[in-house]
Amino acid sequence: MISEVYESYWRFAAERQAVFFRRARAEAPPWTRDSVIGTYKFTNAYRASDRVSQYLIRRVIYREDLPKTHAEVFFRILLFKLFNKIETWEMLERALGQITFEGYRFERFNAVLDRAKAAGRQIYSAAYIMPPGAAAYGRPAKHQNNLLMLERMMADRLPDRLAQANSMQDGFEKLRSYPTIGDFLAYQFIIDINYSEITDFSEMEFVVPGPGARDGLRKCFPDPGGLNEPELIRLMADIQEREFDRYGLEFESLWGRRLQLIDCQNLFCEVDKYARVVHPYVSGKTGRTRIKQKFQPTLTPIKPFYPPKWKLNLKIESGAPPFARPTATGA
């Protein structure tokens, strides 16, 4: 059984993706006639298109001036993602120079973060909450425990073990084994690591719904018909072309790349927020009724860059149309 929010899931996905491409084409605002999308902050239909993911891919992972070994790339990814905040990464770079594991010393990194906290600066993103970790790592400050966890991962040769993982779920479980990393963070981290050359898993292989996605799933499917949450997310990925057609929607894919499981998972989280305004009487698990963050438009041109192994960047540079219709089985 589906609710009215189910149709909004597909309409939101199509319009949010259209907004992304209008901005990429440097069109003048407003970029949408949907007053909710125009007023509130929502992530992109494709996770890799979001501002923080774009920064991670272009400015942290694929850096010509930084070492490319698995250990060094993993260290950069996890250091960035522990805080998930561009400003924190850039603050560390300004204070310490090039960020490398070879040059890492706890005292130096901790001193920079201590000073930032003492000055009242936010060093963590509000996108998700990192557990404090004091019980596992013994330090009073969360950032200290995060650094010690990263040190333990490096000592355990986790980058090499991830490179040898035979599936995304295997990599997820290796990350999940560390104190303070639950299912949600382990899944987000393996997706980020998979943007690099350390691993090469399909994003259609494995999915773990987060708390927001669970709310969106409940709003779309008041009766899931015996399917569990990952199965419902996979269903959405499998039938995307059919449903866009059924609702008369022109979905601009990512240069032929279909919505993957991680994208469909994220869209459930976003439609949960969207429905708080558009479908206020459809309740989720948490009972939240407001969208906290407003959209703050910037006129900075979007120049997307994706993991080179996806083979999208040459299409972008050549000016190929982004709205190529993906095949039902294409990645």
C-alpha atoms as a PDB file:
ATOM      1  CA  MET A   1       0.000   0.000   0.000  1.00  0.00           C
ATOM      2  CA  ILE A   2       1.350   3.415  -0.974  1.00  0.00           C
ATOM      3  CA  SER A   3       0.360   6.876   0.248  1.00  0.00           C
ATOM      4  CA  GLU A   4       0.186  10.238  -1.494  1.00  0.00           C
ATOM      5  CA  VAL A   5       3.815  10.799  -0.432  1.00  0.00           C
ATOM      6  CA  TYR A   6       4.922   8.024  -2.812  1.00  0.00           C
ATOM      7  CA  GLU A   7       4.084  10.147  -5.845  1.00  0.00           C
ATOM      8  CA  SER A   8       5.812  13.115  -4.219  1.00  0.00           C
ATOM      9  CA  TYR A   9       8.970  10.983  -3.933  1.00  0.00           C
ATOM     10  CA  TRP A  10       9.243  10.794  -7.725  1.00  0.00           C
ATOM     11  CA  ARG A  11       8.148  14.379  -8.322  1.00  0.00           C
ATOM     12  CA  PHE A  12      10.647  15.645  -5.757  1.00  0.00           C
ATOM     13  CA  ALA A  13      13.475  13.567  -7.295  1.00  0.00           C
ATOM     14  CA  ALA A  14      12.774  14.908 -10.791  1.00  0.00           C
ATOM     15  CA  GLU A  15      12.454  18.539  -9.724  1.00  0.00           C
ATOM     16  CA  ARG A  16      15.453  18.507  -7.385  1.00  0.00           C
ATOM     17  CA  GLN A  17      17.569  17.054 -10.185  1.00  0.00           C
ATOM     18  CA  ALA A  18      16.217  19.683 -12.595  1.00  0.00           C
ATOM     19  CA  VAL A  19      17.268  22.405 -10.138  1.00  0.00           C
ATOM     20  CA  PHE A  20      20.782  20.947 -10.059  1.00  0.00           C
ATOM     21  CA  PHE A  21      21.086  21.121 -13.839  1.00  0.00           C
ATOM     22  CA  ARG A  22      19.568  24.602 -14.069  1.00  0.00           C
ATOM     23  CA  ARG A  23      22.249  25.793 -11.704  1.00  0.00           C
ATOM     24  CA  ALA A  24      24.923  23.857 -13.623  1.00  0.00           C
ATOM     25  CA  ARG A  25      23.798  25.611 -16.812  1.00  0.00           C
ATOM     26  CA  ALA A  26      24.182  28.946 -14.978  1.00  0.00           C
ATOM     27  CA  GLU A  27      20.517  29.830 -15.434  1.00  0.00           C
ATOM     28  CA  ALA A  28      19.261  32.811 -13.473  1.00  0.00           C
ATOM     29  CA  PRO A  29      17.187  32.101 -10.352  1.00  0.00           C
ATOM     30  CA  PRO A  30      14.574  31.193  -9.412  1.00  0.00           C
ATOM     31  CA  TRP A  31      15.479  27.644 -10.367  1.00  0.00           C
ATOM     32  CA  THR A  32      12.137  26.077  -9.441  1.00  0.00           C
ATOM     33  CA  ARG A  33       8.463  26.869  -9.170  1.00  0.00           C
ATOM     34  CA  ASP A  34       8.130  24.432  -6.274  1.00  0.00           C
ATOM     35  CA  SER A  35       7.868  26.780  -3.303  1.00  0.00           C
ATOM     36  CA  VAL A  36       9.028  24.125  -0.823  1.00  0.00           C
ATOM     37  CA  ILE A  37      12.172  23.212  -2.787  1.00  0.00           C
ATOM     38  CA  GLY A  38      12.792  26.926  -3.361  1.00  0.00           C
ATOM     39  CA  THR A  39      12.481  27.771   0.340  1.00  0.00           C
ATOM     40  CA  TYR A  40      14.145  24.919   2.201  1.00  0.00           C
ATOM     41  CA  LYS A  41      17.492  23.175   1.943  1.00  0.00           C
ATOM     42  CA  PHE A  42      17.445  19.711   0.378  1.00  0.00           C
ATOM     43  CA  THR A  43      20.270  17.492  -0.790  1.00  0.00           C
ATOM     44  CA  ASN A  44      20.589  16.620  -4.476  1.00  0.00           C
ATOM     45  CA  ALA A  45      18.918  13.599  -6.024  1.00  0.00           C
ATOM     46  CA  TYR A  46      22.387  12.070  -6.458  1.00  0.00           C
ATOM     47  CA  ARG A  47      24.476  12.010  -3.292  1.00  0.00           C
ATOM     48  CA  ALA A  48      27.723  12.493  -5.217  1.00  0.00           C
ATOM     49  CA  SER A  49      26.392  15.822  -6.563  1.00  0.00           C
ATOM     50  CA  ASP A  50      26.077  17.393  -3.119  1.00  0.00           C
ATOM     51  CA  ARG A  51      28.469  20.206  -2.227  1.00  0.00           C
ATOM     52  CA  VAL A  52      30.341  18.270   0.472  1.00  0.00           C
ATOM     53  CA  SER A  53      30.619  15.111  -1.645  1.00  0.00           C
ATOM     54  CA  GLN A  54      31.869  17.165  -4.587  1.00  0.00           C
ATOM     55  CA  TYR A  55      34.506  18.763  -2.387  1.00  0.00           C
ATOM     56  CA  LEU A  56      35.542  15.367  -1.022  1.00  0.00           C
ATOM     57  CA  ILE A  57      35.879  13.857  -4.488  1.00  0.00           C
ATOM     58  CA  ARG A  58      37.687  16.752  -6.142  1.00  0.00           C
ATOM     59  CA  ARG A  59      39.638  18.394  -3.311  1.00  0.00           C
ATOM     60  CA  VAL A  60      40.381  15.531  -0.929  1.00  0.00           C
ATOM     61  CA  ILE A  61      40.494  12.243  -2.855  1.00  0.00           C
ATOM     62  CA  TYR A  62      41.686  13.157  -6.357  1.00  0.00           C
ATOM     63  CA  ARG A  63      44.444  15.609  -5.525  1.00  0.00           C
ATOM     64  CA  GLU A  64      47.467  15.667  -7.827  1.00  0.00           C
ATOM     65  CA  ASP A  65      49.627  17.223  -5.105  1.00  0.00           C
ATOM     66  CA  LEU A  66      48.935  14.580  -2.435  1.00  0.00           C
ATOM     67  CA  PRO A  67      50.037  10.936  -2.141  1.00  0.00           C
ATOM     68  CA  LYS A  68      47.842   8.364  -3.889  1.00  0.00           C
ATOM     69  CA  THR A  69      48.548   5.225  -1.838  1.00  0.00           C
ATOM     70  CA  HIS A  70      45.560   3.478  -0.322  1.00  0.00           C
ATOM     71  CA  ALA A  71      46.722   4.382   3.172  1.00  0.00           C
ATOM     72  CA  GLU A  72      47.080   8.086   2.407  1.00  0.00           C
ATOM     73  CA  VAL A  73      43.801   8.367   0.497  1.00  0.00           C
ATOM     74  CA  PHE A  74      41.916   6.496   3.222  1.00  0.00           C
ATOM     75  CA  PHE A  75      43.441   8.738   5.897  1.00  0.00           C
ATOM     76  CA  ARG A  76      42.305  11.866   4.050  1.00  0.00           C
ATOM     77  CA  ILE A  77      38.797  10.542   3.449  1.00  0.00           C
ATOM     78  CA  LEU A  78      38.208   9.519   7.061  1.00  0.00           C
ATOM     79  CA  LEU A  79      39.767  12.673   8.482  1.00  0.00           C
ATOM     80  CA  PHE A  80      37.479  14.756   6.289  1.00  0.00           C
ATOM     81  CA  LYS A  81      34.371  12.663   6.964  1.00  0.00           C
ATOM     82  CA  LEU A  82      34.797  12.509  10.741  1.00  0.00           C
ATOM     83  CA  PHE A  83      33.994  16.221  10.750  1.00  0.00           C
ATOM     84  CA  ASN A  84      32.185  16.302   7.373  1.00  0.00           C
ATOM     85  CA  LYS A  85      32.787  20.032   7.193  1.00  0.00           C
ATOM     86  CA  ILE A  86      34.702  21.789   4.439  1.00  0.00           C
ATOM     87  CA  GLU A  87      35.694  24.647   6.718  1.00  0.00           C
ATOM     88  CA  THR A  88      37.353  22.261   9.195  1.00  0.00           C
ATOM     89  CA  TRP A  89      39.414  20.597   6.452  1.00  0.00           C
ATOM     90  CA  GLU A  90      40.526  23.966   5.097  1.00  0.00           C
ATOM     91  CA  MET A  91      41.370  25.185   8.598  1.00  0.00           C
ATOM     92  CA  LEU A  92      43.619  22.154   9.113  1.00  0.00           C
ATOM     93  CA  GLU A  93      45.278  22.739   5.746  1.00  0.00           C
ATOM     94  CA  ARG A  94      45.944  26.397   6.516  1.00  0.00           C
ATOM     95  CA  ALA A  95      47.470  25.549   9.880  1.00  0.00           C
ATOM     96  CA  LEU A  96      49.358  22.372   8.989  1.00  0.00           C
ATOM     97  CA  GLY A  97      50.033  22.495   5.272  1.00  0.00           C
ATOM     98  CA  GLN A  98      49.476  19.378   3.173  1.00  0.00           C
ATOM     99  CA  ILE A  99      47.382  16.787   4.992  1.00  0.00           C
ATOM    100  CA  THR A 100      49.161  13.425   4.931  1.00  0.00           C
ATOM    101  CA  PHE A 101      49.313  10.417   7.193  1.00  0.00           C
ATOM    102  CA  GLU A 102      53.082  10.514   6.960  1.00  0.00           C
ATOM    103  CA  GLY A 103      53.029  14.004   8.454  1.00  0.00           C
ATOM    104  CA  TYR A 104      50.260  13.303  10.962  1.00  0.00           C
ATOM    105  CA  ARG A 105      50.924  13.868  14.655  1.00  0.00           C
ATOM    106  CA  PHE A 106      48.098  13.778  17.167  1.00  0.00           C
ATOM    107  CA  GLU A 107      49.431  16.760  19.103  1.00  0.00           C
ATOM    108  CA  ARG A 108      49.571  19.044  16.065  1.00  0.00           C
ATOM    109  CA  PHE A 109      46.097  18.181  14.765  1.00  0.00           C
ATOM    110  CA  ASN A 110      44.570  18.280  18.228  1.00  0.00           C
ATOM    111  CA  ALA A 111      46.075  21.711  18.948  1.00  0.00           C
ATOM    112  CA  VAL A 112      44.445  23.218  15.846  1.00  0.00           C
ATOM    113  CA  LEU A 113      41.074  21.728  16.717  1.00  0.00           C
ATOM    114  CA  ASP A 114      41.385  22.747  20.365  1.00  0.00           C
ATOM    115  CA  ARG A 115      42.029  26.358  19.356  1.00  0.00           C
ATOM    116  CA  ALA A 116      39.046  26.345  17.014  1.00  0.00           C
ATOM    117  CA  LYS A 117      36.750  25.024  19.727  1.00  0.00           C
ATOM    118  CA  ALA A 118      38.081  27.547  22.254  1.00  0.00           C
ATOM    119  CA  ALA A 119      37.282  30.302  19.757  1.00  0.00           C
ATOM    120  CA  GLY A 120      33.697  29.068  19.530  1.00  0.00           C
ATOM    121  CA  ARG A 121      33.946  27.649  16.026  1.00  0.00           C
ATOM    122  CA  GLN A 122      31.810  24.704  14.921  1.00  0.00           C
ATOM    123  CA  ILE A 123      34.183  21.974  13.744  1.00  0.00           C
ATOM    124  CA  TYR A 124      31.507  19.340  13.034  1.00  0.00           C
ATOM    125  CA  SER A 125      28.788  19.377  10.394  1.00  0.00           C
ATOM    126  CA  ALA A 126      25.182  19.150  11.501  1.00  0.00           C
ATOM    127  CA  ALA A 127      24.443  16.597   8.764  1.00  0.00           C
ATOM    128  CA  TYR A 128      24.913  13.711  11.193  1.00  0.00           C
ATOM    129  CA  ILE A 129      26.115  13.316  14.763  1.00  0.00           C
ATOM    130  CA  MET A 130      29.443  11.681  15.553  1.00  0.00           C
ATOM    131  CA  PRO A 131      29.310   9.863  18.911  1.00  0.00           C
ATOM    132  CA  PRO A 132      31.656  11.325  21.565  1.00  0.00           C
ATOM    133  CA  GLY A 133      33.681   8.106  21.942  1.00  0.00           C
ATOM    134  CA  ALA A 134      34.986   8.790  25.457  1.00  0.00           C
ATOM    135  CA  ALA A 135      34.128   5.306  26.713  1.00  0.00           C
ATOM    136  CA  ALA A 136      36.100   3.695  23.884  1.00  0.00           C
ATOM    137  CA  TYR A 137      39.072   6.026  23.550  1.00  0.00           C
ATOM    138  CA  GLY A 138      39.294   7.784  26.904  1.00  0.00           C
ATOM    139  CA  ARG A 139      39.663  11.438  25.962  1.00  0.00           C
ATOM    140  CA  PRO A 140      37.374  14.272  27.127  1.00  0.00           C
ATOM    141  CA  ALA A 141      36.894  15.898  23.707  1.00  0.00           C
ATOM    142  CA  LYS A 142      35.074  14.222  20.818  1.00  0.00           C
ATOM    143  CA  HIS A 143      37.622  15.319  18.234  1.00  0.00           C
ATOM    144  CA  GLN A 144      40.420  13.732  20.283  1.00  0.00           C
ATOM    145  CA  ASN A 145      38.595  10.401  20.364  1.00  0.00           C
ATOM    146  CA  ASN A 146      37.909  10.649  16.627  1.00  0.00           C
ATOM    147  CA  LEU A 147      41.598  11.172  15.933  1.00  0.00           C
ATOM    148  CA  LEU A 148      42.511   8.199  18.127  1.00  0.00           C
ATOM    149  CA  MET A 149      39.970   6.037  16.303  1.00  0.00           C
ATOM    150  CA  LEU A 150      41.540   7.015  12.986  1.00  0.00           C
ATOM    151  CA  GLU A 151      44.967   6.170  14.397  1.00  0.00           C
ATOM    152  CA  ARG A 152      43.677   2.728  15.406  1.00  0.00           C
ATOM    153  CA  MET A 153      42.286   2.155  11.907  1.00  0.00           C
ATOM    154  CA  MET A 154      45.630   3.026  10.376  1.00  0.00           C
ATOM    155  CA  ALA A 155      47.495   0.793  12.837  1.00  0.00           C
ATOM    156  CA  ASP A 156      45.115  -2.035  11.918  1.00  0.00           C
ATOM    157  CA  ARG A 157      45.945  -1.549   8.220  1.00  0.00           C
ATOM    158  CA  LEU A 158      42.266  -0.997   7.519  1.00  0.00           C
ATOM    159  CA  PRO A 159      42.898   0.635   4.104  1.00  0.00           C
ATOM    160  CA  ASP A 160      44.557  -2.550   2.831  1.00  0.00           C
ATOM    161  CA  ARG A 161      41.868  -4.750   4.358  1.00  0.00           C
ATOM    162  CA  LEU A 162      39.170  -2.664   2.667  1.00  0.00           C
ATOM    163  CA  ALA A 163      40.994  -2.948  -0.647  1.00  0.00           C
ATOM    164  CA  GLN A 164      40.807  -6.732  -0.234  1.00  0.00           C
ATOM    165  CA  ALA A 165      37.133  -6.763   0.783  1.00  0.00           C
ATOM    166  CA  ASN A 166      35.033  -8.940  -1.519  1.00  0.00           C
ATOM    167  CA  SER A 167      31.849  -6.878  -1.235  1.00  0.00           C
ATOM    168  CA  MET A 168      30.533  -3.523  -0.076  1.00  0.00           C
ATOM    169  CA  GLN A 169      28.862  -5.262   2.850  1.00  0.00           C
ATOM    170  CA  ASP A 170      32.201  -6.812   3.818  1.00  0.00           C
ATOM    171  CA  GLY A 171      33.774  -3.333   3.804  1.00  0.00           C
ATOM    172  CA  PHE A 172      30.820  -1.962   5.760  1.00  0.00           C
ATOM    173  CA  GLU A 173      31.262  -4.642   8.434  1.00  0.00           C
ATOM    174  CA  LYS A 174      34.973  -3.917   8.756  1.00  0.00           C
ATOM    175  CA  LEU A 175      34.179  -0.258   9.439  1.00  0.00           C
ATOM    176  CA  ARG A 176      31.257  -1.186  11.677  1.00  0.00           C
ATOM    177  CA  SER A 177      33.585  -3.158  13.979  1.00  0.00           C
ATOM    178  CA  TYR A 178      35.127   0.041  15.401  1.00  0.00           C
ATOM    179  CA  PRO A 179      33.632   1.541  18.574  1.00  0.00           C
ATOM    180  CA  THR A 180      31.333   4.555  17.967  1.00  0.00           C
ATOM    181  CA  ILE A 181      30.663   3.569  14.330  1.00  0.00           C
ATOM    182  CA  GLY A 182      27.119   2.292  13.922  1.00  0.00           C
ATOM    183  CA  ASP A 183      25.279   1.071  10.855  1.00  0.00           C
ATOM    184  CA  PHE A 184      24.513   4.530   9.484  1.00  0.00           C
ATOM    185  CA  LEU A 185      28.070   5.888   9.726  1.00  0.00           C
ATOM    186  CA  ALA A 186      29.632   2.660   8.451  1.00  0.00           C
ATOM    187  CA  TYR A 187      27.430   2.783   5.368  1.00  0.00           C
ATOM    188  CA  GLN A 188      28.119   6.458   4.710  1.00  0.00           C
ATOM    189  CA  PHE A 189      31.862   5.909   5.136  1.00  0.00           C
ATOM    190  CA  ILE A 190      32.019   2.907   2.784  1.00  0.00           C
ATOM    191  CA  ILE A 191      30.183   4.947   0.144  1.00  0.00           C
ATOM    192  CA  ASP A 192      32.736   7.750   0.525  1.00  0.00           C
ATOM    193  CA  ILE A 193      35.682   5.351   0.410  1.00  0.00           C
ATOM    194  CA  ASN A 194      34.159   3.780  -2.697  1.00  0.00           C
ATOM    195  CA  TYR A 195      34.466   7.122  -4.503  1.00  0.00           C
ATOM    196  CA  SER A 196      38.217   6.477  -4.417  1.00  0.00           C
ATOM    197  CA  GLU A 197      40.317   3.780  -6.074  1.00  0.00           C
ATOM    198  CA  ILE A 198      40.637   1.832  -2.812  1.00  0.00           C
ATOM    199  CA  THR A 199      37.475  -0.142  -3.613  1.00  0.00           C
ATOM    200  CA  ASP A 200      35.320  -0.556  -6.698  1.00  0.00           C
ATOM    201  CA  PHE A 201      31.917  -1.776  -5.551  1.00  0.00           C
ATOM    202  CA  SER A 202      28.657  -1.150  -7.349  1.00  0.00           C
ATOM    203  CA  GLU A 203      26.386   1.277  -5.516  1.00  0.00           C
ATOM    204  CA  MET A 204      23.585  -1.145  -6.404  1.00  0.00           C
ATOM    205  CA  GLU A 205      25.138  -3.825  -4.232  1.00  0.00           C
ATOM    206  CA  PHE A 206      24.134  -2.914  -0.691  1.00  0.00           C
ATOM    207  CA  VAL A 207      22.097  -0.339   1.229  1.00  0.00           C
ATOM    208  CA  VAL A 208      21.493   0.602   4.860  1.00  0.00           C
ATOM    209  CA  PRO A 209      18.625   3.031   5.561  1.00  0.00           C
ATOM    210  CA  GLY A 210      19.319   5.860   7.974  1.00  0.00           C
ATOM    211  CA  PRO A 211      16.835   7.323  10.470  1.00  0.00           C
ATOM    212  CA  GLY A 212      15.500   9.950   8.054  1.00  0.00           C
ATOM    213  CA  ALA A 213      15.070   7.391   5.293  1.00  0.00           C
ATOM    214  CA  ARG A 214      13.075   5.173   7.632  1.00  0.00           C
ATOM    215  CA  ASP A 215      10.692   8.061   8.241  1.00  0.00           C
ATOM    216  CA  GLY A 216      10.347   8.619   4.503  1.00  0.00           C
ATOM    217  CA  LEU A 217       9.749   4.918   3.900  1.00  0.00           C
ATOM    218  CA  ARG A 218       6.976   4.867   6.465  1.00  0.00           C
ATOM    219  CA  LYS A 219       5.346   7.912   4.897  1.00  0.00           C
ATOM    220  CA  CYS A 220       5.474   6.394   1.398  1.00  0.00           C
ATOM    221  CA  PHE A 221       4.528   2.849   2.396  1.00  0.00           C
ATOM    222  CA  PRO A 222       1.954   2.683   5.208  1.00  0.00           C
ATOM    223  CA  ASP A 223       1.830  -1.052   4.439  1.00  0.00           C
ATOM    224  CA  PRO A 224       5.147  -2.381   3.070  1.00  0.00           C
ATOM    225  CA  GLY A 225       3.544  -5.626   1.927  1.00  0.00           C
ATOM    226  CA  GLY A 226       6.054  -7.831   3.702  1.00  0.00           C
ATOM    227  CA  LEU A 227       9.137  -6.092   2.268  1.00  0.00           C
ATOM    228  CA  ASN A 228      11.813  -4.828   4.645  1.00  0.00           C
ATOM    229  CA  GLU A 229      13.363  -1.373   4.339  1.00  0.00           C
ATOM    230  CA  PRO A 230      16.390  -2.307   2.170  1.00  0.00           C
ATOM    231  CA  GLU A 231      14.071  -4.275  -0.121  1.00  0.00           C
ATOM    232  CA  LEU A 232      11.789  -1.258  -0.532  1.00  0.00           C
ATOM    233  CA  ILE A 233      14.761   0.942  -1.410  1.00  0.00           C
ATOM    234  CA  ARG A 234      15.933  -1.602  -3.981  1.00  0.00           C
ATOM    235  CA  LEU A 235      12.414  -1.744  -5.406  1.00  0.00           C
ATOM    236  CA  MET A 236      12.500   2.029  -5.982  1.00  0.00           C
ATOM    237  CA  ALA A 237      15.850   1.769  -7.751  1.00  0.00           C
ATOM    238  CA  ASP A 238      14.621  -1.089  -9.922  1.00  0.00           C
ATOM    239  CA  ILE A 239      11.391   0.592 -11.085  1.00  0.00           C
ATOM    240  CA  GLN A 240      12.597   4.199 -11.407  1.00  0.00           C
ATOM    241  CA  GLU A 241      12.212   4.511 -15.185  1.00  0.00           C
ATOM    242  CA  ARG A 242       8.736   3.004 -15.106  1.00  0.00           C
ATOM    243  CA  GLU A 243       7.555   5.323 -12.321  1.00  0.00           C
ATOM    244  CA  PHE A 244       8.964   8.492 -13.859  1.00  0.00           C
ATOM    245  CA  ASP A 245       7.098   7.550 -17.042  1.00  0.00           C
ATOM    246  CA  ARG A 246       3.915   6.681 -15.164  1.00  0.00           C
ATOM    247  CA  TYR A 247       3.799  10.127 -13.544  1.00  0.00           C
ATOM    248  CA  GLY A 248       4.741  11.917 -16.759  1.00  0.00           C
ATOM    249  CA  LEU A 249       8.072  13.143 -15.387  1.00  0.00           C
ATOM    250  CA  GLU A 250      11.165  13.950 -17.427  1.00  0.00           C
ATOM    251  CA  PHE A 251      13.981  12.857 -15.133  1.00  0.00           C
ATOM    252  CA  GLU A 252      17.409  14.126 -16.159  1.00  0.00           C
ATOM    253  CA  SER A 253      19.773  11.342 -15.174  1.00  0.00           C
ATOM    254  CA  LEU A 254      23.412  11.898 -14.327  1.00  0.00           C
ATOM    255  CA  TRP A 255      24.749  11.565 -17.870  1.00  0.00           C
ATOM    256  CA  GLY A 256      23.061   8.167 -18.151  1.00  0.00           C
ATOM    257  CA  ARG A 257      23.811   6.984 -14.615  1.00  0.00           C
ATOM    258  CA  ARG A 258      20.658   5.730 -12.907  1.00  0.00           C
ATOM    259  CA  LEU A 259      19.712   6.559  -9.348  1.00  0.00           C
ATOM    260  CA  GLN A 260      21.640   4.090  -7.218  1.00  0.00           C
ATOM    261  CA  LEU A 261      20.632   2.535  -3.888  1.00  0.00           C
ATOM    262  CA  ILE A 262      22.424   5.250  -1.912  1.00  0.00           C
ATOM    263  CA  ASP A 263      20.585   7.924  -3.908  1.00  0.00           C
ATOM    264  CA  CYS A 264      17.180   6.296  -3.406  1.00  0.00           C
ATOM    265  CA  GLN A 265      17.964   5.961   0.300  1.00  0.00           C
ATOM    266  CA  ASN A 266      18.841   9.666   0.504  1.00  0.00           C
ATOM    267  CA  LEU A 267      15.695  10.605  -1.406  1.00  0.00           C
ATOM    268  CA  PHE A 268      13.570   8.902   1.245  1.00  0.00           C
ATOM    269  CA  CYS A 269      15.249  11.109   3.836  1.00  0.00           C
ATOM    270  CA  GLU A 270      14.569  14.217   1.751  1.00  0.00           C
ATOM    271  CA  VAL A 271      10.951  13.324   0.959  1.00  0.00           C
ATOM    272  CA  ASP A 272      10.404  12.831   4.687  1.00  0.00           C
ATOM    273  CA  LYS A 273      11.315  16.513   5.118  1.00  0.00           C
ATOM    274  CA  TYR A 274       9.399  17.585   2.012  1.00  0.00           C
ATOM    275  CA  ALA A 275       6.253  15.829   3.240  1.00  0.00           C
ATOM    276  CA  ARG A 276       6.328  17.752   6.527  1.00  0.00           C
ATOM    277  CA  VAL A 277       5.143  20.763   4.523  1.00  0.00           C
ATOM    278  CA  VAL A 278       3.373  19.217   1.514  1.00  0.00           C
ATOM    279  CA  HIS A 279       1.695  16.321   3.366  1.00  0.00           C
ATOM    280  CA  PRO A 280       1.616  17.482   7.002  1.00  0.00           C
ATOM    281  CA  TYR A 281      -0.976  14.897   8.056  1.00  0.00           C
ATOM    282  CA  VAL A 282       1.142  11.915   6.975  1.00  0.00           C
ATOM    283  CA  SER A 283       3.238  11.028   9.997  1.00  0.00           C
ATOM    284  CA  GLY A 284       6.572   9.280  10.196  1.00  0.00           C
ATOM    285  CA  LYS A 285       8.278   7.530  13.089  1.00  0.00           C
ATOM    286  CA  THR A 286       9.812  10.623  14.700  1.00  0.00           C
ATOM    287  CA  GLY A 287       6.806  12.931  14.434  1.00  0.00           C
ATOM    288  CA  ARG A 288       8.895  15.865  13.192  1.00  0.00           C
ATOM    289  CA  THR A 289       6.774  18.618  11.649  1.00  0.00           C
ATOM    290  CA  ARG A 290       9.250  21.334  10.585  1.00  0.00           C
ATOM    291  CA  ILE A 291      12.165  21.674   8.174  1.00  0.00           C
ATOM    292  CA  LYS A 292      14.977  23.412  10.014  1.00  0.00           C
ATOM    293  CA  GLN A 293      17.326  24.663   7.310  1.00  0.00           C
ATOM    294  CA  LYS A 294      16.376  27.295   4.751  1.00  0.00           C
ATOM    295  CA  PHE A 295      17.873  27.350   1.270  1.00  0.00           C
ATOM    296  CA  GLN A 296      20.517  30.041   0.840  1.00  0.00           C
ATOM    297  CA  PRO A 297      21.082  30.474  -2.905  1.00  0.00           C
ATOM    298  CA  THR A 298      24.512  31.261  -4.274  1.00  0.00           C
ATOM    299  CA  LEU A 299      25.351  32.169  -7.848  1.00  0.00           C
ATOM    300  CA  THR A 300      28.607  30.199  -7.843  1.00  0.00           C
ATOM    301  CA  PRO A 301      28.607  28.047 -10.991  1.00  0.00           C
ATOM    302  CA  ILE A 302      28.381  24.297 -10.445  1.00  0.00           C
ATOM    303  CA  LYS A 303      31.149  22.397 -12.238  1.00  0.00           C
ATOM    304  CA  PRO A 304      30.511  18.765 -11.311  1.00  0.00           C
ATOM    305  CA  PHE A 305      33.312  16.239 -11.048  1.00  0.00           C
ATOM    306  CA  TYR A 306      32.724  12.564 -10.289  1.00  0.00           C
ATOM    307  CA  PRO A 307      34.942   9.556  -9.544  1.00  0.00           C
ATOM    308  CA  PRO A 308      36.860   8.987 -12.779  1.00  0.00           C
ATOM    309  CA  LYS A 309      35.958   5.281 -12.739  1.00  0.00           C
ATOM    310  CA  TRP A 310      32.331   6.278 -13.361  1.00  0.00           C
ATOM    311  CA  LYS A 311      33.433   7.623 -16.763  1.00  0.00           C
ATOM    312  CA  LEU A 312      31.228  10.702 -16.512  1.00  0.00           C
ATOM    313  CA  ASN A 313      33.817  13.476 -16.502  1.00  0.00           C
ATOM    314  CA  LEU A 314      34.710  13.150 -20.186  1.00  0.00           C
ATOM    315  CA  LYS A 315      31.007  13.361 -21.049  1.00  0.00           C
ATOM    316  CA  ILE A 316      30.694  16.518 -18.951  1.00  0.00           C
ATOM    317  CA  GLU A 317      33.769  18.117 -20.518  1.00  0.00           C
ATOM    318  CA  SER A 318      32.550  17.264 -24.026  1.00  0.00           C
ATOM    319  CA  GLY A 319      29.222  18.969 -23.410  1.00  0.00           C
ATOM    320  CA  ALA A 320      27.234  15.752 -23.740  1.00  0.00           C
ATOM    321  CA  PRO A 321      23.591  16.195 -22.706  1.00  0.00           C
ATOM    322  CA  PRO A 322      23.009  15.174 -19.077  1.00  0.00           C
ATOM    323  CA  PHE A 323      19.529  13.875 -19.682  1.00  0.00           C
ATOM    324  CA  ALA A 324      20.504  10.743 -21.603  1.00  0.00           C
ATOM    325  CA  ARG A 325      17.953   8.090 -20.774  1.00  0.00           C
ATOM    326  CA  PRO A 326      19.595   5.350 -18.695  1.00  0.00           C
ATOM    327  CA  THR A 327      18.880   1.751 -19.464  1.00  0.00           C
ATOM    328  CA  ALA A 328      17.008  -0.262 -16.881  1.00  0.00           C
ATOM    329  CA  THR A 329      20.195  -2.163 -16.030  1.00  0.00           C
ATOM    330  CA  GLY A 330      22.802   0.509 -16.673  1.00  0.00           C
ATOM    331  CA  ALA A 331      24.971   1.908 -13.880  1.00  0.00           C
END
